[in-house]
Amino acid sequence: MEMRVAAYAVITDDDGRILLAHWNEGRHSAWTLPGGGLEAGEDPEHAARREILEETGYRAAVGALLGIHSRVIPANRRIAESGEALHTLRIVYRARILSGTLRDEVDGSTDTAAWFRLDELPGLRQVKLVEIGMRMAGLRG
C-alpha cells in the first residue's frame, strides 16, 4: 500500500469567503483546499505555507491544527493506475493571508484559485476534503 501525507489550509477572509484551488489532473478536476503533499523531511506547517504560495500566490500564516483526516483509497478507485491502494493522511490547518496577489499556478496540479462565498459551494464540483475541512473549522454543522 502506498502512503501520501499532505497538508492543507482552510482560509477565509473578512467577507466570509473561502479560498479554494482548482485541482486539475488529467481528465479529473474539482475545487479543493489549498495544499498538497509533503516533501521528504518537510514540516507539515511549512508544506502548507509552501503549497498555499504555489497554488494561490499568497503568503500565509498557518494557525491552529484543525485535524487529520485518514482515508484508504482502494487500488481500483485510484486515479493513478498504480495497482496499489493508497492511504492518505491529510493534515488540515486554519491559515490567514499575510500578503501577495491572487494568481494561477503554472505547471502544477492546480490551474487556478479563487474566493467563494459559502453559499456558492453547493454549485461547485469539489473534492470531499472541502467539506471535511469546513466541518473541522466549524464552518459547517
Protein backbone atom coordinates (compact mmCIF):
# COMPACT_ATOMS: atom_id res chain seq x y z
CA MET A 1 0.00 0.00 0.00
CA GLU A 2 1.29 3.44 -0.88
CA MET A 3 1.06 6.34 1.58
CA ARG A 4 0.73 10.06 0.95
CA VAL A 5 0.90 12.70 3.68
CA ALA A 6 -0.32 16.17 2.76
CA ALA A 7 -1.07 19.49 4.48
CA TYR A 8 -3.98 21.76 3.61
CA ALA A 9 -5.48 25.00 4.90
CA VAL A 10 -8.92 26.45 5.46
CA ILE A 11 -8.57 30.15 4.65
CA THR A 12 -11.42 32.63 4.94
CA ASP A 13 -11.45 36.38 4.51
CA ASP A 14 -13.25 39.23 6.30
CA ASP A 15 -16.18 38.86 3.88
CA GLY A 16 -16.71 35.24 4.93
CA ARG A 17 -15.41 33.79 1.66
CA ILE A 18 -13.25 30.68 1.44
CA LEU A 19 -10.15 30.31 -0.74
CA LEU A 20 -10.11 27.23 -2.97
CA ALA A 21 -7.73 25.89 -5.59
CA HIS A 22 -8.89 24.13 -8.74
CA TRP A 23 -7.25 20.71 -8.89
CA ASN A 24 -6.82 19.53 -12.46
CA GLU A 25 -5.18 16.17 -13.11
CA GLY A 26 -5.77 14.62 -16.50
CA ARG A 27 -9.48 14.08 -17.04
CA HIS A 28 -10.29 14.80 -13.39
CA SER A 29 -10.86 18.23 -11.90
CA ALA A 30 -12.58 19.75 -8.88
CA TRP A 31 -12.14 22.52 -6.34
CA THR A 32 -10.11 21.71 -3.23
CA LEU A 33 -8.46 23.34 -0.24
CA PRO A 34 -5.08 24.89 -0.99
CA GLY A 35 -2.35 22.47 -0.01
CA GLY A 36 -0.57 19.33 -1.06
CA GLY A 37 1.95 16.64 -0.39
CA LEU A 38 4.87 16.92 1.99
CA GLU A 39 8.36 16.62 0.59
CA ALA A 40 10.71 14.18 2.32
CA GLY A 41 11.60 15.53 5.77
CA GLU A 42 9.37 18.61 5.40
CA ASP A 43 7.47 20.02 8.35
CA PRO A 44 3.68 19.94 7.69
CA GLU A 45 3.20 23.64 8.54
CA HIS A 46 5.98 24.56 6.12
CA ALA A 47 4.39 22.36 3.45
CA ALA A 48 1.05 24.12 3.93
CA ARG A 49 2.69 27.57 3.57
CA ARG A 50 4.67 26.45 0.51
CA GLU A 51 1.65 24.92 -1.20
CA ILE A 52 -0.57 27.95 -0.48
CA LEU A 53 2.04 30.20 -2.09
CA GLU A 54 2.49 27.89 -5.08
CA GLU A 55 -1.23 27.44 -5.72
CA THR A 56 -2.58 30.91 -4.94
CA GLY A 57 0.24 33.49 -4.90
CA TYR A 58 -0.47 34.35 -1.26
CA ARG A 59 1.95 34.20 1.67
CA ALA A 60 0.05 32.79 4.63
CA ALA A 61 0.41 32.34 8.36
CA VAL A 62 -0.53 28.82 9.38
CA GLY A 63 -2.53 28.73 12.58
CA ALA A 64 -4.32 26.07 14.56
CA LEU A 65 -4.25 22.42 13.61
CA LEU A 66 -7.89 21.59 12.85
CA GLY A 67 -7.46 17.86 12.46
CA ILE A 68 -6.07 14.95 10.50
CA HIS A 69 -8.22 13.05 8.03
CA SER A 70 -7.25 9.48 7.14
CA ARG A 71 -8.58 7.71 4.06
CA VAL A 72 -7.69 4.50 2.25
CA ILE A 73 -8.44 4.51 -1.47
CA PRO A 74 -8.68 1.01 -2.94
CA ALA A 75 -6.46 0.35 -5.96
CA ASN A 76 -9.45 0.11 -8.32
CA ARG A 77 -10.74 3.57 -7.22
CA ARG A 78 -7.47 5.45 -7.68
CA ILE A 79 -6.97 7.97 -10.45
CA ALA A 80 -3.36 6.90 -10.89
CA GLU A 81 -3.24 3.31 -12.09
CA SER A 82 -0.52 2.03 -9.79
CA GLY A 83 -2.12 -1.28 -8.87
CA GLU A 84 -1.86 -0.44 -5.16
CA ALA A 85 -4.23 1.02 -2.63
CA LEU A 86 -3.36 4.50 -1.32
CA HIS A 87 -3.50 5.59 2.32
CA THR A 88 -3.82 9.37 2.53
CA LEU A 89 -3.23 11.37 5.71
CA ARG A 90 -4.44 14.93 5.25
CA ILE A 91 -3.35 17.42 7.89
CA VAL A 92 -5.72 20.39 7.94
CA TYR A 93 -4.83 23.79 9.42
CA ARG A 94 -6.50 27.14 9.76
CA ALA A 95 -4.50 29.84 7.97
CA ARG A 96 -4.74 33.53 7.14
CA ILE A 97 -3.35 35.59 4.29
CA LEU A 98 -0.39 37.84 5.11
CA SER A 99 0.46 39.27 1.68
CA GLY A 100 0.51 38.59 -2.04
CA THR A 101 -1.77 38.77 -5.02
CA LEU A 102 -4.11 36.02 -6.15
CA ARG A 103 -2.69 34.30 -9.22
CA ASP A 104 -2.86 30.98 -11.03
CA GLU A 105 -0.35 28.19 -10.52
CA VAL A 106 1.79 27.32 -13.52
CA ASP A 107 2.76 23.70 -14.27
CA GLY A 108 1.24 22.32 -11.09
CA SER A 109 -1.61 20.06 -10.06
CA THR A 110 -3.90 23.10 -9.77
CA ASP A 111 -4.62 25.57 -12.54
CA THR A 112 -6.39 28.43 -10.77
CA ALA A 113 -7.50 29.65 -7.35
CA ALA A 114 -10.49 31.75 -6.33
CA TRP A 115 -12.51 33.07 -3.40
CA PHE A 116 -16.06 31.75 -2.97
CA ARG A 117 -18.97 32.72 -0.76
CA LEU A 118 -20.09 29.74 1.30
CA ASP A 119 -23.50 29.80 -0.40
CA GLU A 120 -21.76 29.28 -3.78
CA LEU A 121 -20.16 25.99 -2.74
CA PRO A 122 -23.13 23.67 -3.38
CA GLY A 123 -22.94 24.55 -7.10
CA LEU A 124 -19.23 23.77 -7.38
CA ARG A 125 -17.67 20.45 -8.26
CA GLN A 126 -15.44 19.89 -5.24
CA VAL A 127 -13.48 17.15 -3.52
CA LYS A 128 -14.76 15.82 -0.19
CA LEU A 129 -11.83 17.48 1.57
CA VAL A 130 -13.53 20.87 1.23
CA GLU A 131 -16.50 19.73 3.31
CA ILE A 132 -14.21 17.88 5.75
CA GLY A 133 -12.07 20.98 6.27
CA MET A 134 -15.09 23.22 6.67
CA ARG A 135 -16.52 20.92 9.34
CA MET A 136 -13.16 20.89 11.13
CA ALA A 137 -13.12 24.71 11.03
CA GLY A 138 -16.68 24.99 12.37
CA LEU A 139 -17.99 26.46 9.11
CA ARG A 140 -20.48 23.57 8.70
CA GLY A 141 -22.61 21.85 11.29
